[in-house]
Amino acid sequence: MTKRVSIELDEEAIAAAHAANIDLSELLISALRRRIPTLHAAEREKAAREWYEENKMAVDSCNELFERHGLFSDGVRSF
């Protein structure tokens, strides 16, 4: 469910967002998700599971490669 809200922005900010093809609603939701990690938690968890399932083969291949050969930076890092 969505609800319409009103926010105040100066004309320059609105023009700049428009020129950069930035959807202000999407930008606000994205910023809120970064600031409030629990926002839409179930939706985010579902998306993460779906991403993992779609990429499981690649993730498993990378993990196997790292287990066999280590990280590319092993022996190079100073920390």
N, C-alpha and C. Protein backbone atom coordinates (compact mmCIF):
# COMPACT_ATOMS: atom_id res chain seq x y z
N MET A 1 0.84 -1.18 0.00
CA MET A 1 0.00 0.00 0.00
C MET A 1 0.89 1.24 0.00
N THR A 2 0.56 2.17 -0.80
CA THR A 2 1.30 3.43 -0.83
C THR A 2 0.37 4.55 -0.39
N LYS A 3 1.00 5.60 0.08
CA LYS A 3 0.26 6.77 0.54
C LYS A 3 0.97 8.01 0.05
N ARG A 4 0.23 8.96 -0.43
CA ARG A 4 0.80 10.19 -0.93
C ARG A 4 1.18 11.08 0.26
N VAL A 5 2.40 11.63 0.21
CA VAL A 5 2.87 12.57 1.24
C VAL A 5 3.39 13.82 0.55
N SER A 6 3.57 14.84 1.31
CA SER A 6 4.07 16.09 0.77
C SER A 6 5.40 16.41 1.42
N ILE A 7 6.40 16.77 0.59
CA ILE A 7 7.69 17.20 1.11
C ILE A 7 8.04 18.53 0.44
N GLU A 8 8.91 19.28 1.07
CA GLU A 8 9.32 20.56 0.51
C GLU A 8 10.76 20.47 0.02
N LEU A 9 10.97 20.86 -1.23
CA LEU A 9 12.30 20.93 -1.83
C LEU A 9 12.41 22.24 -2.57
N ASP A 10 13.62 22.77 -2.63
CA ASP A 10 13.78 24.01 -3.38
C ASP A 10 13.76 23.71 -4.88
N GLU A 11 13.49 24.72 -5.68
CA GLU A 11 13.35 24.55 -7.12
C GLU A 11 14.62 24.00 -7.77
N GLU A 12 15.78 24.44 -7.27
CA GLU A 12 17.04 23.96 -7.85
C GLU A 12 17.19 22.45 -7.67
N ALA A 13 16.85 21.96 -6.48
CA ALA A 13 16.96 20.53 -6.21
C ALA A 13 16.00 19.73 -7.09
N ILE A 14 14.79 20.23 -7.24
CA ILE A 14 13.81 19.55 -8.08
C ILE A 14 14.27 19.53 -9.53
N ALA A 15 14.77 20.66 -10.03
CA ALA A 15 15.25 20.74 -11.41
C ALA A 15 16.45 19.81 -11.63
N ALA A 16 17.36 19.77 -10.68
CA ALA A 16 18.54 18.91 -10.80
C ALA A 16 18.14 17.44 -10.82
N ALA A 17 17.21 17.05 -9.96
CA ALA A 17 16.74 15.67 -9.92
C ALA A 17 16.06 15.32 -11.25
N HIS A 18 15.24 16.23 -11.73
CA HIS A 18 14.56 16.00 -13.01
C HIS A 18 15.57 15.86 -14.15
N ALA A 19 16.56 16.74 -14.19
CA ALA A 19 17.57 16.70 -15.24
C ALA A 19 18.38 15.41 -15.20
N ALA A 20 18.56 14.87 -14.00
CA ALA A 20 19.34 13.63 -13.84
C ALA A 20 18.45 12.39 -13.92
N ASN A 21 17.17 12.58 -14.28
CA ASN A 21 16.21 11.47 -14.36
C ASN A 21 16.12 10.70 -13.05
N ILE A 22 16.14 11.39 -11.94
CA ILE A 22 16.03 10.77 -10.62
C ILE A 22 14.57 10.79 -10.19
N ASP A 23 14.05 9.60 -9.86
CA ASP A 23 12.70 9.49 -9.32
C ASP A 23 12.79 9.78 -7.83
N LEU A 24 12.22 10.89 -7.40
CA LEU A 24 12.36 11.31 -6.00
C LEU A 24 11.71 10.32 -5.03
N SER A 25 10.63 9.68 -5.43
CA SER A 25 10.00 8.68 -4.56
C SER A 25 10.94 7.50 -4.35
N GLU A 26 11.54 7.01 -5.43
CA GLU A 26 12.48 5.89 -5.30
C GLU A 26 13.70 6.30 -4.48
N LEU A 27 14.17 7.51 -4.69
CA LEU A 27 15.32 8.01 -3.94
C LEU A 27 15.03 8.06 -2.44
N LEU A 28 13.86 8.55 -2.07
CA LEU A 28 13.49 8.64 -0.66
C LEU A 28 13.36 7.25 -0.04
N ILE A 29 12.73 6.33 -0.75
CA ILE A 29 12.60 4.97 -0.22
C ILE A 29 13.98 4.34 -0.03
N SER A 30 14.85 4.51 -1.00
CA SER A 30 16.20 3.97 -0.91
C SER A 30 16.96 4.56 0.29
N ALA A 31 16.85 5.86 0.48
CA ALA A 31 17.52 6.52 1.61
C ALA A 31 16.95 6.03 2.93
N LEU A 32 15.65 5.86 3.00
CA LEU A 32 15.03 5.36 4.24
C LEU A 32 15.47 3.94 4.54
N ARG A 33 15.59 3.11 3.52
CA ARG A 33 16.04 1.73 3.73
C ARG A 33 17.46 1.69 4.27
N ARG A 34 18.32 2.62 3.80
CA ARG A 34 19.70 2.66 4.33
C ARG A 34 19.71 3.12 5.78
N ARG A 35 18.84 4.06 6.13
CA ARG A 35 18.82 4.61 7.49
C ARG A 35 18.06 3.74 8.46
N ILE A 36 17.08 2.99 7.96
CA ILE A 36 16.24 2.15 8.82
C ILE A 36 16.33 0.71 8.29
N PRO A 37 17.31 -0.06 8.76
CA PRO A 37 17.54 -1.40 8.20
C PRO A 37 16.34 -2.34 8.29
N THR A 38 15.43 -2.10 9.21
CA THR A 38 14.29 -3.01 9.35
C THR A 38 13.14 -2.65 8.41
N LEU A 39 13.24 -1.54 7.68
CA LEU A 39 12.18 -1.12 6.78
C LEU A 39 12.04 -2.13 5.65
N HIS A 40 10.84 -2.64 5.46
CA HIS A 40 10.54 -3.63 4.42
C HIS A 40 11.44 -4.86 4.56
N ALA A 41 11.72 -5.28 5.78
CA ALA A 41 12.66 -6.38 6.03
C ALA A 41 12.23 -7.67 5.33
N ALA A 42 10.96 -8.01 5.38
CA ALA A 42 10.50 -9.25 4.75
C ALA A 42 10.69 -9.19 3.23
N GLU A 43 10.39 -8.05 2.64
CA GLU A 43 10.56 -7.87 1.20
C GLU A 43 12.03 -7.95 0.82
N ARG A 44 12.89 -7.35 1.62
CA ARG A 44 14.32 -7.36 1.34
C ARG A 44 14.89 -8.77 1.49
N GLU A 45 14.42 -9.50 2.51
CA GLU A 45 14.89 -10.87 2.73
C GLU A 45 14.47 -11.76 1.56
N LYS A 46 13.26 -11.59 1.07
CA LYS A 46 12.78 -12.37 -0.07
C LYS A 46 13.64 -12.07 -1.31
N ALA A 47 13.93 -10.79 -1.55
CA ALA A 47 14.75 -10.41 -2.70
C ALA A 47 16.16 -11.00 -2.58
N ALA A 48 16.71 -11.01 -1.38
CA ALA A 48 18.05 -11.56 -1.17
C ALA A 48 18.05 -13.07 -1.43
N ARG A 49 17.02 -13.77 -0.96
CA ARG A 49 16.92 -15.21 -1.21
C ARG A 49 16.81 -15.49 -2.70
N GLU A 50 15.97 -14.70 -3.39
CA GLU A 50 15.80 -14.89 -4.83
C GLU A 50 17.11 -14.63 -5.57
N TRP A 51 17.84 -13.57 -5.17
CA TRP A 51 19.12 -13.27 -5.80
C TRP A 51 20.09 -14.43 -5.59
N TYR A 52 20.13 -14.96 -4.36
CA TYR A 52 21.04 -16.06 -4.07
C TYR A 52 20.70 -17.28 -4.91
N GLU A 53 19.43 -17.61 -5.00
CA GLU A 53 19.03 -18.78 -5.79
C GLU A 53 19.38 -18.60 -7.26
N GLU A 54 19.19 -17.39 -7.78
CA GLU A 54 19.52 -17.12 -9.18
C GLU A 54 21.03 -17.19 -9.43
N ASN A 55 21.83 -16.89 -8.41
CA ASN A 55 23.28 -16.80 -8.56
C ASN A 55 24.04 -17.88 -7.81
N LYS A 56 23.32 -18.88 -7.29
CA LYS A 56 23.92 -19.92 -6.46
C LYS A 56 25.08 -20.62 -7.15
N MET A 57 24.93 -20.95 -8.40
CA MET A 57 25.98 -21.65 -9.12
C MET A 57 27.26 -20.81 -9.17
N ALA A 58 27.14 -19.53 -9.46
CA ALA A 58 28.31 -18.65 -9.52
C ALA A 58 28.94 -18.47 -8.14
N VAL A 59 28.10 -18.30 -7.11
CA VAL A 59 28.61 -18.13 -5.74
C VAL A 59 29.36 -19.39 -5.31
N ASP A 60 28.77 -20.56 -5.57
CA ASP A 60 29.43 -21.82 -5.21
C ASP A 60 30.74 -22.00 -5.96
N SER A 61 30.77 -21.61 -7.23
CA SER A 61 32.02 -21.72 -8.02
C SER A 61 33.11 -20.82 -7.45
N CYS A 62 32.74 -19.60 -7.09
CA CYS A 62 33.72 -18.68 -6.50
C CYS A 62 34.23 -19.22 -5.17
N ASN A 63 33.32 -19.71 -4.34
CA ASN A 63 33.73 -20.26 -3.05
C ASN A 63 34.67 -21.44 -3.22
N GLU A 64 34.39 -22.30 -4.18
CA GLU A 64 35.26 -23.44 -4.45
C GLU A 64 36.64 -22.98 -4.92
N LEU A 65 36.66 -21.98 -5.79
CA LEU A 65 37.92 -21.43 -6.28
C LEU A 65 38.75 -20.86 -5.12
N PHE A 66 38.10 -20.11 -4.23
CA PHE A 66 38.80 -19.52 -3.09
C PHE A 66 39.30 -20.59 -2.12
N GLU A 67 38.51 -21.63 -1.93
CA GLU A 67 38.93 -22.72 -1.04
C GLU A 67 40.16 -23.43 -1.60
N ARG A 68 40.19 -23.60 -2.91
CA ARG A 68 41.32 -24.29 -3.55
C ARG A 68 42.58 -23.43 -3.61
N HIS A 69 42.41 -22.18 -3.99
CA HIS A 69 43.58 -21.33 -4.29
C HIS A 69 43.76 -20.15 -3.35
N GLY A 70 42.83 -19.93 -2.41
CA GLY A 70 42.91 -18.78 -1.53
C GLY A 70 42.47 -17.52 -2.26
N LEU A 71 42.53 -16.42 -1.56
CA LEU A 71 42.16 -15.14 -2.15
C LEU A 71 43.31 -14.61 -3.00
N PHE A 72 42.98 -13.86 -4.03
CA PHE A 72 44.02 -13.32 -4.91
C PHE A 72 45.00 -12.43 -4.16
N SER A 73 44.56 -11.86 -3.03
CA SER A 73 45.42 -10.95 -2.30
C SER A 73 46.18 -11.62 -1.17
N ASP A 74 46.03 -12.93 -0.99
CA ASP A 74 46.80 -13.63 0.05
C ASP A 74 48.29 -13.44 -0.20
N GLY A 75 49.02 -13.09 0.82
CA GLY A 75 50.45 -12.87 0.70
C GLY A 75 50.82 -11.47 0.25
N VAL A 76 49.83 -10.69 -0.15
CA VAL A 76 50.08 -9.33 -0.63
C VAL A 76 49.63 -8.31 0.40
N ARG A 77 48.56 -8.64 1.10
CA ARG A 77 48.00 -7.69 2.08
C ARG A 77 48.95 -7.48 3.25
N SER A 78 48.93 -6.27 3.77
CA SER A 78 49.79 -5.97 4.92
C SER A 78 49.01 -5.91 6.22
N PHE A 79 47.75 -6.30 6.21
CA PHE A 79 46.94 -6.30 7.43
C PHE A 79 46.48 -7.67 7.78
